[in-house]
C-alpha atoms as a PDB file:
ATOM      1  CA  GLY A   1     133.707 134.222 137.392  1.00  0.00           C
ATOM      2  CA  PHE A   2     133.662 137.919 138.283  1.00  0.00           C
ATOM      3  CA  ALA A   3     137.106 138.546 136.743  1.00  0.00           C
ATOM      4  CA  LEU A   4     135.975 136.924 133.490  1.00  0.00           C
ATOM      5  CA  GLN A   5     132.854 139.077 133.604  1.00  0.00           C
ATOM      6  CA  GLN A   6     134.904 142.280 133.881  1.00  0.00           C
ATOM      7  CA  ILE A   7     136.910 141.726 130.688  1.00  0.00           C
ATOM      8  CA  LEU A   8     133.860 141.270 128.438  1.00  0.00           C
ATOM      9  CA  PRO A   9     131.932 144.112 126.758  1.00  0.00           C
ATOM     10  CA  GLY A  10     128.355 144.919 127.673  1.00  0.00           C
ATOM     11  CA  PRO A  11     126.339 144.003 130.752  1.00  0.00           C
ATOM     12  CA  THR A  12     124.396 141.134 129.188  1.00  0.00           C
ATOM     13  CA  PHE A  13     127.493 139.397 127.904  1.00  0.00           C
ATOM     14  CA  SER A  14     129.338 140.034 131.150  1.00  0.00           C
ATOM     15  CA  PHE A  15     126.511 138.732 133.264  1.00  0.00           C
ATOM     16  CA  THR A  16     126.268 135.638 131.085  1.00  0.00           C
ATOM     17  CA  SER A  17     129.860 134.643 131.797  1.00  0.00           C
ATOM     18  CA  TYR A  18     129.317 135.191 135.497  1.00  0.00           C
ATOM     19  CA  LEU A  19     126.157 133.068 135.510  1.00  0.00           C
ATOM     20  CA  GLY A  20     127.894 130.303 133.576  1.00  0.00           C
ATOM     21  CA  ALA A  21     130.705 130.144 136.115  1.00  0.00           C
ATOM     22  CA  LEU A  22     128.311 130.439 139.053  1.00  0.00           C
ATOM     23  CA  SER A  23     126.120 127.622 137.779  1.00  0.00           C
ATOM     24  CA  MET A  24     129.148 125.356 137.525  1.00  0.00           C
ATOM     25  CA  LYS A  25     130.140 126.299 141.075  1.00  0.00           C
ATOM     26  CA  GLN A  26     126.635 125.374 142.255  1.00  0.00           C
ATOM     27  CA  GLY A  27     127.108 122.048 140.481  1.00  0.00           C
ATOM     28  CA  GLY A  28     130.181 121.319 142.599  1.00  0.00           C
ATOM     29  CA  TYR A  29     132.822 121.865 139.917  1.00  0.00           C
ATOM     30  CA  ASP A  30     136.304 123.176 140.685  1.00  0.00           C
ATOM     31  CA  VAL A  31     137.850 126.394 139.350  1.00  0.00           C
ATOM     32  CA  VAL A  32     138.637 124.836 135.970  1.00  0.00           C
ATOM     33  CA  GLY A  33     135.035 123.680 135.594  1.00  0.00           C
ATOM     34  CA  GLN A  34     133.792 127.114 136.607  1.00  0.00           C
ATOM     35  CA  ALA A  35     136.034 128.805 134.039  1.00  0.00           C
ATOM     36  CA  MET A  36     134.780 126.351 131.424  1.00  0.00           C
ATOM     37  CA  GLY A  37     131.182 127.155 132.399  1.00  0.00           C
ATOM     38  CA  GLY A  38     131.864 130.873 131.995  1.00  0.00           C
ATOM     39  CA  PHE A  39     133.510 130.288 128.633  1.00  0.00           C
ATOM     40  CA  LEU A  40     130.687 128.080 127.355  1.00  0.00           C
ATOM     41  CA  ALA A  41     128.072 130.602 128.473  1.00  0.00           C
ATOM     42  CA  VAL A  42     129.903 133.363 126.593  1.00  0.00           C
ATOM     43  CA  LEU A  43     130.208 131.120 123.555  1.00  0.00           C
ATOM     44  CA  GLY A  44     126.505 130.291 123.736  1.00  0.00           C
ATOM     45  CA  ILE A  45     125.397 133.914 123.809  1.00  0.00           C
ATOM     46  CA  ASN A  46     127.873 135.131 121.171  1.00  0.00           C
ATOM     47  CA  LEU A  47     127.705 132.245 118.703  1.00  0.00           C
ATOM     48  CA  PRO A  48     124.320 133.106 117.112  1.00  0.00           C
ATOM     49  CA  GLY A  49     125.439 136.668 116.342  1.00  0.00           C
ATOM     50  CA  LEU A  50     128.785 135.448 115.045  1.00  0.00           C
ATOM     51  CA  ILE A  51     127.064 132.953 112.744  1.00  0.00           C
ATOM     52  CA  LEU A  52     124.800 135.713 111.421  1.00  0.00           C
ATOM     53  CA  VAL A  53     127.702 138.056 110.748  1.00  0.00           C
ATOM     54  CA  LEU A  54     129.947 135.461 109.139  1.00  0.00           C
ATOM     55  CA  PHE A  55     127.456 133.422 107.138  1.00  0.00           C
ATOM     56  CA  ILE A  56     124.199 135.342 106.623  1.00  0.00           C
ATOM     57  CA  VAL A  57     125.121 139.028 106.276  1.00  0.00           C
ATOM     58  CA  PRO A  58     127.443 138.543 103.269  1.00  0.00           C
ATOM     59  CA  PHE A  59     124.573 136.926 101.345  1.00  0.00           C
ATOM     60  CA  TRP A  60     121.696 138.970 102.791  1.00  0.00           C
ATOM     61  CA  ASN A  61     121.076 141.122  99.698  1.00  0.00           C
ATOM     62  CA  ASP A  62     120.735 137.976  97.590  1.00  0.00           C
ATOM     63  CA  LEU A  63     118.651 136.137 100.199  1.00  0.00           C
ATOM     64  CA  LYS A  64     116.075 138.884 100.683  1.00  0.00           C
ATOM     65  CA  LYS A  65     115.296 138.829  96.949  1.00  0.00           C
ATOM     66  CA  ILE A  66     113.943 135.287  97.279  1.00  0.00           C
ATOM     67  CA  THR A  67     110.151 135.562  97.347  1.00  0.00           C
ATOM     68  CA  ARG A  68     109.528 133.227 100.305  1.00  0.00           C
ATOM     69  CA  ILE A  69     112.150 134.932 102.460  1.00  0.00           C
ATOM     70  CA  LYS A  70     110.868 138.370 101.478  1.00  0.00           C
ATOM     71  CA  GLN A  71     107.317 137.375 102.463  1.00  0.00           C
ATOM     72  CA  SER A  72     108.427 135.916 105.785  1.00  0.00           C
ATOM     73  CA  LEU A  73     110.246 139.058 106.953  1.00  0.00           C
ATOM     74  CA  SER A  74     107.083 140.886 108.031  1.00  0.00           C
ATOM     75  CA  GLY A  75     106.036 137.858 110.077  1.00  0.00           C
ATOM     76  CA  ILE A  76     109.475 137.610 111.651  1.00  0.00           C
ATOM     77  CA  ASN A  77     109.318 141.306 112.571  1.00  0.00           C
ATOM     78  CA  ALA A  78     105.866 140.808 114.107  1.00  0.00           C
ATOM     79  CA  VAL A  79     107.170 137.923 116.210  1.00  0.00           C
ATOM     80  CA  GLY A  80     110.043 140.113 117.430  1.00  0.00           C
ATOM     81  CA  VAL A  81     107.629 142.846 118.479  1.00  0.00           C
ATOM     82  CA  GLY A  82     105.457 140.239 120.186  1.00  0.00           C
ATOM     83  CA  PHE A  83     108.420 138.880 122.163  1.00  0.00           C
ATOM     84  CA  ILE A  84     109.365 142.379 123.305  1.00  0.00           C
ATOM     85  CA  PHE A  85     105.774 143.097 124.351  1.00  0.00           C
ATOM     86  CA  ALA A  86     105.559 139.749 126.189  1.00  0.00           C
ATOM     87  CA  ALA A  87     108.776 140.555 128.072  1.00  0.00           C
ATOM     88  CA  PHE A  88     107.303 143.934 129.008  1.00  0.00           C
ATOM     89  CA  ILE A  89     104.139 142.285 130.352  1.00  0.00           C
ATOM     90  CA  LEU A  90     106.152 139.718 132.334  1.00  0.00           C
ATOM     91  CA  LEU A  91     108.217 142.490 133.923  1.00  0.00           C
ATOM     92  CA  VAL A  92     105.219 144.695 134.755  1.00  0.00           C
ATOM     93  CA  LYS A  93     102.833 141.980 135.973  1.00  0.00           C
ATOM     94  CA  PRO A  94     104.484 141.279 139.377  1.00  0.00           C
ATOM     95  CA  ILE A  95     104.653 144.959 140.397  1.00  0.00           C
ATOM     96  CA  GLY A  96     101.191 145.961 139.259  1.00  0.00           C
ATOM     97  CA  PHE A  97     100.286 148.778 136.943  1.00  0.00           C
ATOM     98  CA  ASP A  98      98.516 151.679 138.590  1.00  0.00           C
ATOM     99  CA  PHE A  99      98.049 155.312 137.540  1.00  0.00           C
ATOM    100  CA  THR A 100     101.340 156.331 139.177  1.00  0.00           C
ATOM    101  CA  ALA A 101     103.246 153.740 137.147  1.00  0.00           C
ATOM    102  CA  ILE A 102     101.507 154.836 133.941  1.00  0.00           C
ATOM    103  CA  GLY A 103     102.353 158.471 134.729  1.00  0.00           C
ATOM    104  CA  ILE A 104     106.008 157.635 135.343  1.00  0.00           C
ATOM    105  CA  LEU A 105     106.144 155.592 132.140  1.00  0.00           C
ATOM    106  CA  LEU A 106     104.623 158.366 130.027  1.00  0.00           C
ATOM    107  CA  THR A 107     106.745 161.082 131.639  1.00  0.00           C
ATOM    108  CA  THR A 108     109.933 159.103 131.088  1.00  0.00           C
ATOM    109  CA  PHE A 109     109.004 158.439 127.467  1.00  0.00           C
ATOM    110  CA  LEU A 110     108.235 162.110 126.825  1.00  0.00           C
ATOM    111  CA  ILE A 111     111.487 163.244 128.450  1.00  0.00           C
ATOM    112  CA  LEU A 112     113.499 160.758 126.382  1.00  0.00           C
ATOM    113  CA  ARG A 113     111.665 161.620 123.180  1.00  0.00           C
ATOM    114  CA  PHE A 114     111.526 165.406 123.360  1.00  0.00           C
ATOM    115  CA  THR A 115     114.573 166.488 125.388  1.00  0.00           C
ATOM    116  CA  LYS A 116     118.282 165.928 125.158  1.00  0.00           C
ATOM    117  CA  LEU A 117     118.694 164.766 128.761  1.00  0.00           C
ATOM    118  CA  SER A 118     121.014 161.802 129.041  1.00  0.00           C
ATOM    119  CA  PRO A 119     119.412 158.463 130.003  1.00  0.00           C
ATOM    120  CA  PRO A 120     121.732 157.947 133.018  1.00  0.00           C
ATOM    121  CA  PHE A 121     120.574 161.304 134.399  1.00  0.00           C
ATOM    122  CA  ILE A 122     116.943 160.282 133.910  1.00  0.00           C
ATOM    123  CA  VAL A 123     117.584 156.980 135.707  1.00  0.00           C
ATOM    124  CA  LEU A 124     119.295 158.808 138.580  1.00  0.00           C
ATOM    125  CA  ALA A 125     116.397 161.276 138.798  1.00  0.00           C
ATOM    126  CA  GLY A 126     114.002 158.320 138.874  1.00  0.00           C
ATOM    127  CA  VAL A 127     115.921 156.745 141.747  1.00  0.00           C
ATOM    128  CA  VAL A 128     115.835 159.998 143.722  1.00  0.00           C
ATOM    129  CA  LEU A 129     112.127 160.547 143.016  1.00  0.00           C
ATOM    130  CA  GLY A 130     111.363 156.932 143.898  1.00  0.00           C
ATOM    131  CA  TYR A 131     113.100 157.414 147.219  1.00  0.00           C
ATOM    132  CA  LEU A 132     111.230 160.647 147.904  1.00  0.00           C
ATOM    133  CA  ILE A 133     107.814 159.335 146.855  1.00  0.00           C
END
């Protein structure tokens, strides 16, 4: 599973293949079953985007002129924002949200927004500060 993970782009897609293979291993399948699990997991995460690119994007300019689709786009965008906010709440809820966390969040946002520091450097600085604090 790990070798299959290494040849795929992006951490989410890589991790998906690994989880697919690992879940098949937990189910008692042999190496072929594990490879199939990794492949199916990759297919499952990539197929929606592939369908959009191949079948929706070529017709998007025509589709968004249809009144019902045009009206639904603002609702679809609102749902997307809601999902992102819900994921944020689910991630923050177990660790609590005190004034220190709010300060770190605001400081990180301001650094990202108003400086040209690279995000990996900011993450590394956060790790060091977290260790020191």
